[in-house]
């Protein structure tokens, strides 16, 4: 079961946002929305969304993780 916050991340991905992250000690995660806005999100919540919804996501792109076009 995902929290309301995690569902909001998944919904943003469905609407065309991309999940991006940095690497290293100060690992950060954020959503880049289609209008160019950037929203910082919690890393642990992003990890849960990626685990629970992995069959709907495309990983490994330079521009970030995105929802599969259905």
N, C-alpha and C. Protein backbone atom coordinates (compact mmCIF):
# COMPACT_ATOMS: atom_id res chain seq x y z
N UNK A 1 0.85 -1.18 0.00
CA UNK A 1 0.00 0.00 0.00
C UNK A 1 0.89 1.24 0.00
N UNK A 2 0.56 2.18 -0.86
CA UNK A 2 1.34 3.42 -0.93
C UNK A 2 0.62 4.53 -0.18
N UNK A 3 1.40 5.47 0.34
CA UNK A 3 0.83 6.62 1.03
C UNK A 3 0.26 7.61 0.01
N UNK A 4 -0.49 8.56 0.49
CA UNK A 4 -1.04 9.61 -0.38
C UNK A 4 0.08 10.36 -1.08
N UNK A 5 1.17 10.61 -0.39
CA UNK A 5 2.32 11.31 -0.97
C UNK A 5 2.93 10.49 -2.10
N UNK A 6 3.09 9.20 -1.89
CA UNK A 6 3.66 8.32 -2.92
C UNK A 6 2.73 8.21 -4.13
N UNK A 7 1.44 8.17 -3.89
CA UNK A 7 0.47 8.15 -4.98
C UNK A 7 0.54 9.43 -5.79
N UNK A 8 0.77 10.56 -5.12
CA UNK A 8 0.89 11.84 -5.84
C UNK A 8 2.12 11.84 -6.75
N UNK A 9 3.20 11.18 -6.34
CA UNK A 9 4.39 11.05 -7.18
C UNK A 9 4.07 10.20 -8.40
N UNK A 10 3.40 9.07 -8.19
CA UNK A 10 3.01 8.20 -9.30
C UNK A 10 2.09 8.94 -10.27
N UNK A 11 1.14 9.70 -9.75
CA UNK A 11 0.23 10.47 -10.60
C UNK A 11 0.96 11.51 -11.42
N UNK A 12 1.96 12.15 -10.83
CA UNK A 12 2.76 13.14 -11.57
C UNK A 12 3.49 12.46 -12.73
N UNK A 13 4.00 11.26 -12.48
CA UNK A 13 4.67 10.51 -13.54
C UNK A 13 3.69 10.15 -14.65
N UNK A 14 2.47 9.77 -14.28
CA UNK A 14 1.44 9.45 -15.27
C UNK A 14 1.12 10.65 -16.15
N UNK A 15 1.23 11.84 -15.58
CA UNK A 15 0.90 13.07 -16.30
C UNK A 15 2.08 13.64 -17.08
N UNK A 16 3.20 12.91 -17.12
CA UNK A 16 4.32 13.32 -17.95
C UNK A 16 5.55 13.85 -17.24
N UNK A 17 5.53 13.89 -15.92
CA UNK A 17 6.72 14.31 -15.19
C UNK A 17 7.78 13.23 -15.26
N UNK A 18 9.02 13.61 -15.01
CA UNK A 18 10.12 12.65 -14.99
C UNK A 18 10.78 12.68 -13.62
N UNK A 19 11.11 11.51 -13.13
CA UNK A 19 11.78 11.36 -11.84
C UNK A 19 13.28 11.35 -12.09
N UNK A 20 13.99 12.23 -11.43
CA UNK A 20 15.42 12.33 -11.61
C UNK A 20 16.12 12.28 -10.26
N UNK A 21 17.41 11.93 -10.29
CA UNK A 21 18.17 11.86 -9.04
C UNK A 21 19.64 12.13 -9.30
N UNK A 22 20.29 12.53 -8.21
CA UNK A 22 21.74 12.69 -8.24
C UNK A 22 22.33 11.47 -7.53
N UNK A 23 23.62 11.31 -7.65
CA UNK A 23 24.29 10.19 -7.00
C UNK A 23 25.23 10.71 -5.93
N UNK A 24 25.72 9.82 -5.12
CA UNK A 24 26.71 10.19 -4.12
C UNK A 24 26.13 10.29 -2.73
N UNK A 25 26.91 10.86 -1.85
CA UNK A 25 26.54 10.97 -0.44
C UNK A 25 25.28 11.80 -0.26
N UNK A 26 25.16 12.89 -1.00
CA UNK A 26 24.01 13.78 -0.88
C UNK A 26 22.96 13.48 -1.94
N UNK A 27 22.63 12.21 -2.08
CA UNK A 27 21.68 11.72 -3.05
C UNK A 27 20.36 12.48 -2.93
N UNK A 28 19.93 13.12 -4.01
CA UNK A 28 18.68 13.90 -4.02
C UNK A 28 17.76 13.35 -5.11
N UNK A 29 16.47 13.53 -4.94
CA UNK A 29 15.50 13.14 -5.96
C UNK A 29 14.54 14.29 -6.20
N UNK A 30 14.08 14.39 -7.44
CA UNK A 30 13.13 15.44 -7.78
C UNK A 30 12.32 15.04 -9.00
N UNK A 31 11.18 15.70 -9.15
CA UNK A 31 10.35 15.55 -10.33
C UNK A 31 10.54 16.77 -11.21
N UNK A 32 10.71 16.55 -12.50
CA UNK A 32 10.71 17.63 -13.47
C UNK A 32 9.39 17.52 -14.21
N UNK A 33 8.54 18.53 -14.03
CA UNK A 33 7.20 18.52 -14.62
C UNK A 33 7.26 19.01 -16.07
N UNK A 34 6.26 18.64 -16.88
CA UNK A 34 6.26 19.04 -18.30
C UNK A 34 6.38 20.55 -18.53
N UNK A 35 5.91 21.36 -17.59
CA UNK A 35 6.00 22.81 -17.74
C UNK A 35 7.36 23.37 -17.32
N UNK A 36 8.27 22.48 -16.91
CA UNK A 36 9.61 22.89 -16.52
C UNK A 36 9.81 23.09 -15.02
N UNK A 37 8.73 23.08 -14.26
CA UNK A 37 8.85 23.23 -12.81
C UNK A 37 9.56 22.02 -12.21
N UNK A 38 10.31 22.26 -11.15
CA UNK A 38 11.04 21.20 -10.45
C UNK A 38 10.50 21.11 -9.04
N UNK A 39 10.22 19.88 -8.60
CA UNK A 39 9.69 19.63 -7.27
C UNK A 39 10.59 18.62 -6.57
N UNK A 40 11.23 19.03 -5.50
CA UNK A 40 12.03 18.10 -4.70
C UNK A 40 11.09 17.11 -4.02
N UNK A 41 11.49 15.84 -4.00
CA UNK A 41 10.69 14.82 -3.33
C UNK A 41 11.59 13.97 -2.45
N UNK A 42 10.96 13.27 -1.53
CA UNK A 42 11.72 12.43 -0.60
C UNK A 42 12.22 11.19 -1.32
N UNK A 43 13.48 10.89 -1.10
CA UNK A 43 14.13 9.74 -1.74
C UNK A 43 13.44 8.43 -1.39
N UNK A 44 13.11 8.23 -0.12
CA UNK A 44 12.49 6.97 0.29
C UNK A 44 11.14 6.77 -0.38
N UNK A 45 10.39 7.84 -0.56
CA UNK A 45 9.09 7.74 -1.23
C UNK A 45 9.27 7.43 -2.71
N UNK A 46 10.27 8.04 -3.33
CA UNK A 46 10.55 7.76 -4.74
C UNK A 46 10.93 6.29 -4.92
N UNK A 47 11.70 5.75 -3.99
CA UNK A 47 12.09 4.35 -4.06
C UNK A 47 10.89 3.42 -3.96
N UNK A 48 9.94 3.76 -3.09
CA UNK A 48 8.73 2.94 -2.94
C UNK A 48 7.92 2.96 -4.24
N UNK A 49 7.75 4.15 -4.83
CA UNK A 49 7.01 4.26 -6.09
C UNK A 49 7.68 3.42 -7.17
N UNK A 50 9.00 3.51 -7.27
CA UNK A 50 9.73 2.74 -8.28
C UNK A 50 9.58 1.24 -8.06
N UNK A 51 9.57 0.81 -6.83
CA UNK A 51 9.43 -0.61 -6.53
C UNK A 51 8.00 -1.09 -6.81
N UNK A 52 7.02 -0.34 -6.35
CA UNK A 52 5.61 -0.77 -6.48
C UNK A 52 5.09 -0.65 -7.90
N UNK A 53 5.62 0.29 -8.67
CA UNK A 53 5.10 0.56 -10.01
C UNK A 53 6.12 0.26 -11.11
N UNK A 54 7.12 -0.57 -10.81
CA UNK A 54 8.21 -0.80 -11.76
C UNK A 54 7.74 -1.31 -13.12
N UNK A 55 6.64 -2.06 -13.17
CA UNK A 55 6.17 -2.57 -14.45
C UNK A 55 5.59 -1.48 -15.34
N UNK A 56 5.31 -0.32 -14.76
CA UNK A 56 4.75 0.81 -15.52
C UNK A 56 5.79 1.87 -15.87
N UNK A 57 7.01 1.70 -15.38
CA UNK A 57 8.04 2.73 -15.52
C UNK A 57 9.12 2.33 -16.51
N UNK A 58 9.72 3.33 -17.13
CA UNK A 58 10.88 3.12 -17.99
C UNK A 58 12.09 3.68 -17.25
N UNK A 59 13.08 2.81 -17.01
CA UNK A 59 14.30 3.18 -16.30
C UNK A 59 15.46 3.29 -17.29
N UNK A 60 16.52 3.97 -16.88
CA UNK A 60 17.76 3.96 -17.65
C UNK A 60 17.89 5.03 -18.70
N UNK A 61 16.94 5.93 -18.78
CA UNK A 61 17.06 7.02 -19.73
C UNK A 61 17.83 8.17 -19.08
N UNK A 62 18.56 8.89 -19.87
CA UNK A 62 19.36 10.00 -19.37
C UNK A 62 18.46 11.08 -18.75
N UNK A 63 17.28 11.26 -19.32
CA UNK A 63 16.40 12.33 -18.86
C UNK A 63 15.61 11.97 -17.60
N UNK A 64 15.71 10.75 -17.12
CA UNK A 64 15.03 10.36 -15.90
C UNK A 64 14.09 9.19 -16.09
N UNK A 65 13.47 8.80 -15.00
CA UNK A 65 12.51 7.70 -15.02
C UNK A 65 11.16 8.28 -15.42
N UNK A 66 10.47 7.57 -16.33
CA UNK A 66 9.17 8.08 -16.75
C UNK A 66 8.16 6.94 -16.86
N UNK A 67 6.91 7.31 -16.90
CA UNK A 67 5.81 6.37 -17.03
C UNK A 67 5.77 5.86 -18.46
N UNK A 68 5.52 4.58 -18.65
CA UNK A 68 5.41 4.00 -19.99
C UNK A 68 4.17 4.55 -20.67
N UNK A 69 4.28 4.82 -21.95
CA UNK A 69 3.11 5.18 -22.73
C UNK A 69 2.29 3.93 -22.94
N UNK A 70 1.04 3.99 -22.64
CA UNK A 70 0.19 2.80 -22.73
C UNK A 70 -0.57 2.81 -24.04
